[in-house]
Amino acid sequence: MAYLRRCLQSKRLEHFVLGNERLPAEISLPLAIQRLELLNLFEHLARDLAAHREAMQAYGQLRFRLWVLLSSH
Protein backbone atom coordinates (compact mmCIF):
# COMPACT_ATOMS: atom_id res chain seq x y z
CA MET A 1 0.00 0.00 0.00
CA ALA A 2 2.86 2.36 0.79
CA TYR A 3 4.38 1.71 -2.63
CA LEU A 4 1.06 2.43 -4.33
CA ARG A 5 0.70 5.67 -2.33
CA ARG A 6 4.20 6.82 -3.34
CA CYS A 7 3.48 6.01 -6.99
CA LEU A 8 0.20 7.90 -6.90
CA GLN A 9 1.77 10.91 -5.19
CA SER A 10 4.63 11.03 -7.68
CA LYS A 11 2.24 10.23 -10.56
CA ARG A 12 4.68 7.59 -11.75
CA LEU A 13 4.29 3.81 -12.07
CA GLU A 14 6.67 2.20 -14.52
CA HIS A 15 5.59 -0.80 -16.56
CA PHE A 16 7.33 -3.93 -15.28
CA VAL A 17 8.24 -5.33 -18.71
CA LEU A 18 8.40 -2.54 -21.29
CA GLY A 19 11.74 -0.76 -21.15
CA ASN A 20 12.84 -2.51 -17.96
CA GLU A 21 16.60 -3.02 -18.24
CA ARG A 22 16.64 -5.06 -15.01
CA LEU A 23 14.19 -7.68 -16.26
CA PRO A 24 15.44 -11.17 -15.31
CA ALA A 25 17.32 -12.94 -18.10
CA GLU A 26 14.87 -15.86 -17.85
CA ILE A 27 12.23 -13.60 -19.40
CA SER A 28 13.25 -13.27 -23.03
CA LEU A 29 11.65 -10.56 -25.10
CA PRO A 30 12.15 -9.45 -28.70
CA LEU A 31 14.92 -6.87 -29.01
CA ALA A 32 12.46 -4.19 -30.13
CA ILE A 33 10.52 -4.60 -26.85
CA GLN A 34 13.73 -4.56 -24.80
CA ARG A 35 14.79 -1.24 -26.32
CA LEU A 36 11.55 0.62 -25.62
CA GLU A 37 11.63 3.56 -23.24
CA LEU A 38 10.16 3.08 -19.79
CA LEU A 39 6.40 3.37 -19.87
CA ASN A 40 4.77 5.40 -17.07
CA LEU A 41 1.36 3.86 -16.44
CA PHE A 42 0.32 6.91 -14.37
CA GLU A 43 1.25 9.50 -17.02
CA HIS A 44 -2.40 10.49 -17.36
CA LEU A 45 -2.44 11.46 -13.67
CA ALA A 46 0.37 13.94 -14.28
CA ARG A 47 -1.60 15.55 -17.12
CA ASP A 48 -5.05 15.54 -15.48
CA LEU A 49 -5.24 16.98 -11.96
CA ALA A 50 -8.87 15.89 -11.55
CA ALA A 51 -7.94 12.30 -12.40
CA HIS A 52 -5.06 12.47 -9.91
CA ARG A 53 -7.36 13.80 -7.19
CA GLU A 54 -9.87 11.03 -7.93
CA ALA A 55 -7.13 8.38 -7.82
CA MET A 56 -5.91 9.68 -4.46
CA GLN A 57 -9.48 9.58 -3.09
CA ALA A 58 -9.91 6.02 -4.37
CA TYR A 59 -6.63 5.08 -2.69
CA GLY A 60 -7.91 6.55 0.59
CA GLN A 61 -11.11 4.51 0.33
CA LEU A 62 -9.15 1.36 -0.48
CA ARG A 63 -6.83 1.93 2.47
CA PHE A 64 -9.80 2.44 4.82
CA ARG A 65 -11.54 -0.71 3.57
CA LEU A 66 -8.36 -2.70 4.02
CA TRP A 67 -7.97 -1.34 7.57
CA VAL A 68 -11.58 -2.34 8.39
CA LEU A 69 -11.05 -5.79 6.93
CA LEU A 70 -7.80 -6.39 8.81
CA SER A 71 -9.03 -4.98 12.12
CA SER A 72 -12.17 -7.13 12.13
CA HIS A 73 -10.16 -10.34 12.47
PDB file of N, CA and C in Angstrom:
ATOM      1  N   MET A   1       0.827  -1.187   0.000  1.00  0.00           N
ATOM      2  CA  MET A   1       0.000   0.000   0.000  1.00  0.00           C
ATOM      3  C   MET A   1       0.875   1.256   0.000  1.00  0.00           C
ATOM      4  N   ALA A   2       1.972   1.202   0.742  1.00  0.00           N
ATOM      5  CA  ALA A   2       2.862   2.361   0.794  1.00  0.00           C
ATOM      6  C   ALA A   2       3.475   2.625  -0.585  1.00  0.00           C
ATOM      7  N   TYR A   3       3.822   1.548  -1.290  1.00  0.00           N
ATOM      8  CA  TYR A   3       4.384   1.706  -2.634  1.00  0.00           C
ATOM      9  C   TYR A   3       3.359   2.337  -3.571  1.00  0.00           C
ATOM     10  N   LEU A   4       2.121   1.866  -3.500  1.00  0.00           N
ATOM     11  CA  LEU A   4       1.059   2.429  -4.334  1.00  0.00           C
ATOM     12  C   LEU A   4       0.858   3.906  -4.015  1.00  0.00           C
ATOM     13  N   ARG A   5       0.866   4.268  -2.732  1.00  0.00           N
ATOM     14  CA  ARG A   5       0.701   5.672  -2.334  1.00  0.00           C
ATOM     15  C   ARG A   5       1.823   6.525  -2.917  1.00  0.00           C
ATOM     16  N   ARG A   6       3.068   6.053  -2.800  1.00  0.00           N
ATOM     17  CA  ARG A   6       4.197   6.820  -3.339  1.00  0.00           C
ATOM     18  C   ARG A   6       4.078   6.985  -4.855  1.00  0.00           C
ATOM     19  N   CYS A   7       3.654   5.929  -5.533  1.00  0.00           N
ATOM     20  CA  CYS A   7       3.479   6.008  -6.992  1.00  0.00           C
ATOM     21  C   CYS A   7       2.380   6.996  -7.361  1.00  0.00           C
ATOM     22  N   LEU A   8       1.285   6.966  -6.626  1.00  0.00           N
ATOM     23  CA  LEU A   8       0.198   7.902  -6.900  1.00  0.00           C
ATOM     24  C   LEU A   8       0.633   9.338  -6.629  1.00  0.00           C
ATOM     25  N   GLN A   9       1.325   9.559  -5.519  1.00  0.00           N
ATOM     26  CA  GLN A   9       1.772  10.909  -5.187  1.00  0.00           C
ATOM     27  C   GLN A   9       2.747  11.449  -6.222  1.00  0.00           C
ATOM     28  N   SER A  10       3.638  10.595  -6.693  1.00  0.00           N
ATOM     29  CA  SER A  10       4.626  11.034  -7.683  1.00  0.00           C
ATOM     30  C   SER A  10       4.084  10.967  -9.110  1.00  0.00           C
ATOM     31  N   LYS A  11       2.887  10.389  -9.253  1.00  0.00           N
ATOM     32  CA  LYS A  11       2.238  10.235 -10.564  1.00  0.00           C
ATOM     33  C   LYS A  11       3.123   9.431 -11.507  1.00  0.00           C
ATOM     34  N   ARG A  12       3.765   8.402 -10.951  1.00  0.00           N
ATOM     35  CA  ARG A  12       4.684   7.589 -11.748  1.00  0.00           C
ATOM     36  C   ARG A  12       4.615   6.131 -11.316  1.00  0.00           C
ATOM     37  N   LEU A  13       4.268   5.257 -12.267  1.00  0.00           N
ATOM     38  CA  LEU A  13       4.291   3.811 -12.069  1.00  0.00           C
ATOM     39  C   LEU A  13       4.823   3.212 -13.361  1.00  0.00           C
ATOM     40  N   GLU A  14       6.041   2.720 -13.313  1.00  0.00           N
ATOM     41  CA  GLU A  14       6.674   2.205 -14.524  1.00  0.00           C
ATOM     42  C   GLU A  14       6.206   0.793 -14.820  1.00  0.00           C
ATOM     43  N   HIS A  15       5.980   0.530 -16.096  1.00  0.00           N
ATOM     44  CA  HIS A  15       5.588  -0.796 -16.558  1.00  0.00           C
ATOM     45  C   HIS A  15       6.694  -1.774 -16.206  1.00  0.00           C
ATOM     46  N   PHE A  16       6.332  -2.952 -15.726  1.00  0.00           N
ATOM     47  CA  PHE A  16       7.330  -3.928 -15.281  1.00  0.00           C
ATOM     48  C   PHE A  16       8.155  -4.497 -16.435  1.00  0.00           C
ATOM     49  N   VAL A  17       7.559  -4.661 -17.597  1.00  0.00           N
ATOM     50  CA  VAL A  17       8.237  -5.331 -18.706  1.00  0.00           C
ATOM     51  C   VAL A  17       8.809  -4.334 -19.711  1.00  0.00           C
ATOM     52  N   LEU A  18       7.977  -3.427 -20.203  1.00  0.00           N
ATOM     53  CA  LEU A  18       8.396  -2.540 -21.286  1.00  0.00           C
ATOM     54  C   LEU A  18       9.479  -1.569 -20.832  1.00  0.00           C
ATOM     55  N   GLY A  19      10.639  -1.668 -21.444  1.00  0.00           N
ATOM     56  CA  GLY A  19      11.736  -0.760 -21.153  1.00  0.00           C
ATOM     57  C   GLY A  19      12.497  -1.068 -19.877  1.00  0.00           C
ATOM     58  N   ASN A  20      12.184  -2.156 -19.224  1.00  0.00           N
ATOM     59  CA  ASN A  20      12.836  -2.510 -17.963  1.00  0.00           C
ATOM     60  C   ASN A  20      14.178  -3.184 -18.250  1.00  0.00           C
ATOM     61  N   GLU A  21      15.267  -2.473 -17.982  1.00  0.00           N
ATOM     62  CA  GLU A  21      16.603  -3.016 -18.237  1.00  0.00           C
ATOM     63  C   GLU A  21      17.001  -4.067 -17.208  1.00  0.00           C
ATOM     64  N   ARG A  22      16.297  -4.112 -16.072  1.00  0.00           N
ATOM     65  CA  ARG A  22      16.638  -5.064 -15.013  1.00  0.00           C
ATOM     66  C   ARG A  22      15.742  -6.298 -15.032  1.00  0.00           C
ATOM     67  N   LEU A  23      15.050  -6.503 -16.122  1.00  0.00           N
ATOM     68  CA  LEU A  23      14.191  -7.678 -16.258  1.00  0.00           C
ATOM     69  C   LEU A  23      15.051  -8.939 -16.179  1.00  0.00           C
ATOM     70  N   PRO A  24      14.633  -9.942 -15.421  1.00  0.00           N
ATOM     71  CA  PRO A  24      15.438 -11.167 -15.311  1.00  0.00           C
ATOM     72  C   PRO A  24      15.719 -11.779 -16.681  1.00  0.00           C
ATOM     73  N   ALA A  25      16.899 -12.349 -16.819  1.00  0.00           N
ATOM     74  CA  ALA A  25      17.322 -12.943 -18.095  1.00  0.00           C
ATOM     75  C   ALA A  25      16.419 -14.095 -18.514  1.00  0.00           C
ATOM     76  N   GLU A  26      15.763 -14.733 -17.546  1.00  0.00           N
ATOM     77  CA  GLU A  26      14.872 -15.856 -17.852  1.00  0.00           C
ATOM     78  C   GLU A  26      13.664 -15.414 -18.677  1.00  0.00           C
ATOM     79  N   ILE A  27      13.352 -14.134 -18.626  1.00  0.00           N
ATOM     80  CA  ILE A  27      12.232 -13.596 -19.403  1.00  0.00           C
ATOM     81  C   ILE A  27      12.813 -13.008 -20.683  1.00  0.00           C
ATOM     82  N   SER A  28      12.684 -13.743 -21.768  1.00  0.00           N
ATOM     83  CA  SER A  28      13.252 -13.273 -23.033  1.00  0.00           C
ATOM     84  C   SER A  28      12.178 -12.549 -23.838  1.00  0.00           C
ATOM     85  N   LEU A  29      12.546 -11.386 -24.307  1.00  0.00           N
ATOM     86  CA  LEU A  29      11.647 -10.556 -25.105  1.00  0.00           C
ATOM     87  C   LEU A  29      12.329 -10.205 -26.416  1.00  0.00           C
ATOM     88  N   PRO A  30      11.547  -9.920 -27.451  1.00  0.00           N
ATOM     89  CA  PRO A  30      12.147  -9.451 -28.698  1.00  0.00           C
ATOM     90  C   PRO A  30      12.970  -8.184 -28.440  1.00  0.00           C
ATOM     91  N   LEU A  31      14.020  -8.004 -29.186  1.00  0.00           N
ATOM     92  CA  LEU A  31      14.923  -6.872 -29.009  1.00  0.00           C
ATOM     93  C   LEU A  31      14.181  -5.537 -29.090  1.00  0.00           C
ATOM     94  N   ALA A  32      13.213  -5.439 -29.988  1.00  0.00           N
ATOM     95  CA  ALA A  32      12.456  -4.193 -30.128  1.00  0.00           C
ATOM     96  C   ALA A  32      11.731  -3.841 -28.830  1.00  0.00           C
ATOM     97  N   ILE A  33      11.206  -4.832 -28.132  1.00  0.00           N
ATOM     98  CA  ILE A  33      10.524  -4.603 -26.854  1.00  0.00           C
ATOM     99  C   ILE A  33      11.545  -4.210 -25.788  1.00  0.00           C
ATOM    100  N   GLN A  34      12.698  -4.854 -25.795  1.00  0.00           N
ATOM    101  CA  GLN A  34      13.735  -4.562 -24.805  1.00  0.00           C
ATOM    102  C   GLN A  34      14.231  -3.129 -24.905  1.00  0.00           C
ATOM    103  N   ARG A  35      14.226  -2.579 -26.090  1.00  0.00           N
ATOM    104  CA  ARG A  35      14.786  -1.239 -26.316  1.00  0.00           C
ATOM    105  C   ARG A  35      13.778  -0.108 -26.118  1.00  0.00           C
ATOM    106  N   LEU A  36      12.547  -0.426 -25.836  1.00  0.00           N
ATOM    107  CA  LEU A  36      11.549   0.617 -25.622  1.00  0.00           C
ATOM    108  C   LEU A  36      11.897   1.454 -24.402  1.00  0.00           C
ATOM    109  N   GLU A  37      11.459   2.706 -24.414  1.00  0.00           N
ATOM    110  CA  GLU A  37      11.635   3.558 -23.241  1.00  0.00           C
ATOM    111  C   GLU A  37      10.691   3.081 -22.146  1.00  0.00           C
ATOM    112  N   LEU A  38      11.040   3.419 -20.900  1.00  0.00           N
ATOM    113  CA  LEU A  38      10.164   3.078 -19.789  1.00  0.00           C
ATOM    114  C   LEU A  38       8.787   3.680 -20.020  1.00  0.00           C
ATOM    115  N   LEU A  39       7.774   2.935 -19.679  1.00  0.00           N
ATOM    116  CA  LEU A  39       6.398   3.372 -19.866  1.00  0.00           C
ATOM    117  C   LEU A  39       5.800   3.706 -18.505  1.00  0.00           C
ATOM    118  N   ASN A  40       5.396   4.960 -18.313  1.00  0.00           N
ATOM    119  CA  ASN A  40       4.771   5.403 -17.073  1.00  0.00           C
ATOM    120  C   ASN A  40       3.265   5.162 -17.168  1.00  0.00           C
ATOM    121  N   LEU A  41       2.777   4.199 -16.405  1.00  0.00           N
ATOM    122  CA  LEU A  41       1.355   3.862 -16.445  1.00  0.00           C
ATOM    123  C   LEU A  41       0.484   4.937 -15.806  1.00  0.00           C
ATOM    124  N   PHE A  42       1.076   5.824 -15.019  1.00  0.00           N
ATOM    125  CA  PHE A  42       0.325   6.905 -14.375  1.00  0.00           C
ATOM    126  C   PHE A  42       0.535   8.251 -15.068  1.00  0.00           C
ATOM    127  N   GLU A  43       1.001   8.244 -16.302  1.00  0.00           N
ATOM    128  CA  GLU A  43       1.253   9.498 -17.021  1.00  0.00           C
ATOM    129  C   GLU A  43      -0.004  10.365 -17.099  1.00  0.00           C
ATOM    130  N   HIS A  44      -1.152   9.730 -17.269  1.00  0.00           N
ATOM    131  CA  HIS A  44      -2.401  10.488 -17.365  1.00  0.00           C
ATOM    132  C   HIS A  44      -2.690  11.253 -16.077  1.00  0.00           C
ATOM    133  N   LEU A  45      -2.221  10.755 -14.937  1.00  0.00           N
ATOM    134  CA  LEU A  45      -2.443  11.457 -13.670  1.00  0.00           C
ATOM    135  C   LEU A  45      -1.613  12.733 -13.599  1.00  0.00           C
ATOM    136  N   ALA A  46      -0.470  12.745 -14.241  1.00  0.00           N
ATOM    137  CA  ALA A  46       0.369  13.940 -14.276  1.00  0.00           C
ATOM    138  C   ALA A  46      -0.255  15.015 -15.162  1.00  0.00           C
ATOM    139  N   ARG A  47      -0.987  14.601 -16.184  1.00  0.00           N
ATOM    140  CA  ARG A  47      -1.604  15.552 -17.115  1.00  0.00           C
ATOM    141  C   ARG A  47      -2.976  16.024 -16.673  1.00  0.00           C
ATOM    142  N   ASP A  48      -3.660  15.241 -15.849  1.00  0.00           N
ATOM    143  CA  ASP A  48      -5.048  15.536 -15.482  1.00  0.00           C
ATOM    144  C   ASP A  48      -5.172  15.590 -13.959  1.00  0.00           C
ATOM    145  N   LEU A  49      -5.197  16.812 -13.415  1.00  0.00           N
ATOM    146  CA  LEU A  49      -5.241  16.979 -11.959  1.00  0.00           C
ATOM    147  C   LEU A  49      -6.509  16.395 -11.347  1.00  0.00           C
ATOM    148  N   ALA A  50      -7.619  16.467 -12.060  1.00  0.00           N
ATOM    149  CA  ALA A  50      -8.868  15.893 -11.548  1.00  0.00           C
ATOM    150  C   ALA A  50      -8.750  14.372 -11.446  1.00  0.00           C
ATOM    151  N   ALA A  51      -8.137  13.751 -12.434  1.00  0.00           N
ATOM    152  CA  ALA A  51      -7.941  12.297 -12.400  1.00  0.00           C
ATOM    153  C   ALA A  51      -7.006  11.918 -11.259  1.00  0.00           C
ATOM    154  N   HIS A  52      -5.987  12.737 -11.019  1.00  0.00           N
ATOM    155  CA  HIS A  52      -5.062  12.471  -9.910  1.00  0.00           C
ATOM    156  C   HIS A  52      -5.794  12.584  -8.574  1.00  0.00           C
ATOM    157  N   ARG A  53      -6.580  13.611  -8.418  1.00  0.00           N
ATOM    158  CA  ARG A  53      -7.359  13.804  -7.185  1.00  0.00           C
ATOM    159  C   ARG A  53      -8.298  12.615  -6.964  1.00  0.00           C
ATOM    160  N   GLU A  54      -8.956  12.177  -8.022  1.00  0.00           N
ATOM    161  CA  GLU A  54      -9.869  11.031  -7.935  1.00  0.00           C
ATOM    162  C   GLU A  54      -9.112   9.749  -7.564  1.00  0.00           C
ATOM    163  N   ALA A  55      -7.938   9.566  -8.138  1.00  0.00           N
ATOM    164  CA  ALA A  55      -7.130   8.383  -7.825  1.00  0.00           C
ATOM    165  C   ALA A  55      -6.682   8.405  -6.367  1.00  0.00           C
ATOM    166  N   MET A  56      -6.322   9.577  -5.858  1.00  0.00           N
ATOM    167  CA  MET A  56      -5.908   9.685  -4.457  1.00  0.00           C
ATOM    168  C   MET A  56      -7.092   9.408  -3.527  1.00  0.00           C
ATOM    169  N   GLN A  57      -8.281   9.859  -3.894  1.00  0.00           N
ATOM    170  CA  GLN A  57      -9.476   9.577  -3.093  1.00  0.00           C
ATOM    171  C   GLN A  57      -9.787   8.084  -3.109  1.00  0.00           C
ATOM    172  N   ALA A  58      -9.667   7.462  -4.266  1.00  0.00           N
ATOM    173  CA  ALA A  58      -9.913   6.022  -4.372  1.00  0.00           C
ATOM    174  C   ALA A  58      -8.893   5.250  -3.536  1.00  0.00           C
ATOM    175  N   TYR A  59      -7.650   5.720  -3.524  1.00  0.00           N
ATOM    176  CA  TYR A  59      -6.630   5.084  -2.692  1.00  0.00           C
ATOM    177  C   TYR A  59      -7.015   5.192  -1.213  1.00  0.00           C
ATOM    178  N   GLY A  60      -7.488   6.359  -0.797  1.00  0.00           N
ATOM    179  CA  GLY A  60      -7.905   6.546   0.591  1.00  0.00           C
ATOM    180  C   GLY A  60      -9.036   5.601   0.966  1.00  0.00           C
ATOM    181  N   GLN A  61      -9.994   5.436   0.082  1.00  0.00           N
ATOM    182  CA  GLN A  61     -11.106   4.512   0.334  1.00  0.00           C
ATOM    183  C   GLN A  61     -10.610   3.074   0.407  1.00  0.00           C
ATOM    184  N   LEU A  62      -9.719   2.704  -0.484  1.00  0.00           N
ATOM    185  CA  LEU A  62      -9.151   1.357  -0.481  1.00  0.00           C
ATOM    186  C   LEU A  62      -8.390   1.097   0.817  1.00  0.00           C
ATOM    187  N   ARG A  63      -7.605   2.074   1.227  1.00  0.00           N
ATOM    188  CA  ARG A  63      -6.833   1.931   2.469  1.00  0.00           C
ATOM    189  C   ARG A  63      -7.760   1.770   3.666  1.00  0.00           C
ATOM    190  N   PHE A  64      -8.848   2.549   3.719  1.00  0.00           N
ATOM    191  CA  PHE A  64      -9.804   2.442   4.817  1.00  0.00           C
ATOM    192  C   PHE A  64     -10.471   1.068   4.822  1.00  0.00           C
ATOM    193  N   ARG A  65     -10.896   0.608   3.652  1.00  0.00           N
ATOM    194  CA  ARG A  65     -11.543  -0.709   3.573  1.00  0.00           C
ATOM    195  C   ARG A  65     -10.596  -1.825   3.989  1.00  0.00           C
ATOM    196  N   LEU A  66      -9.347  -1.709   3.615  1.00  0.00           N
ATOM    197  CA  LEU A  66      -8.356  -2.700   4.019  1.00  0.00           C
ATOM    198  C   LEU A  66      -8.163  -2.674   5.533  1.00  0.00           C
ATOM    199  N   TRP A  67      -8.109  -1.480   6.115  1.00  0.00           N
ATOM    200  CA  TRP A  67      -7.967  -1.341   7.567  1.00  0.00           C
ATOM    201  C   TRP A  67      -9.150  -1.994   8.279  1.00  0.00           C
ATOM    202  N   VAL A  68     -10.380  -1.740   7.790  1.00  0.00           N
ATOM    203  CA  VAL A  68     -11.579  -2.337   8.386  1.00  0.00           C
ATOM    204  C   VAL A  68     -11.506  -3.858   8.288  1.00  0.00           C
ATOM    205  N   LEU A  69     -11.142  -4.351   7.138  1.00  0.00           N
ATOM    206  CA  LEU A  69     -11.047  -5.794   6.927  1.00  0.00           C
ATOM    207  C   LEU A  69     -10.023  -6.427   7.867  1.00  0.00           C
ATOM    208  N   LEU A  70      -8.866  -5.827   7.975  1.00  0.00           N
ATOM    209  CA  LEU A  70      -7.804  -6.391   8.805  1.00  0.00           C
ATOM    210  C   LEU A  70      -8.087  -6.246  10.299  1.00  0.00           C
ATOM    211  N   SER A  71      -8.767  -5.185  10.689  1.00  0.00           N
ATOM    212  CA  SER A  71      -9.029  -4.975  12.115  1.00  0.00           C
ATOM    213  C   SER A  71     -10.223  -5.785  12.606  1.00  0.00           C
ATOM    214  N   SER A  72     -11.004  -6.346  11.712  1.00  0.00           N
ATOM    215  CA  SER A  72     -12.172  -7.134  12.125  1.00  0.00           C
ATOM    216  C   SER A  72     -11.801  -8.575  12.444  1.00  0.00           C
ATOM    217  N   HIS A  73     -10.575  -8.952  12.208  1.00  0.00           N
ATOM    218  CA  HIS A  73     -10.158 -10.342  12.467  1.00  0.00           C
ATOM    219  C   HIS A  73      -9.222 -10.408  13.624  1.00  0.00           C
TER     220      HIS A  73
END
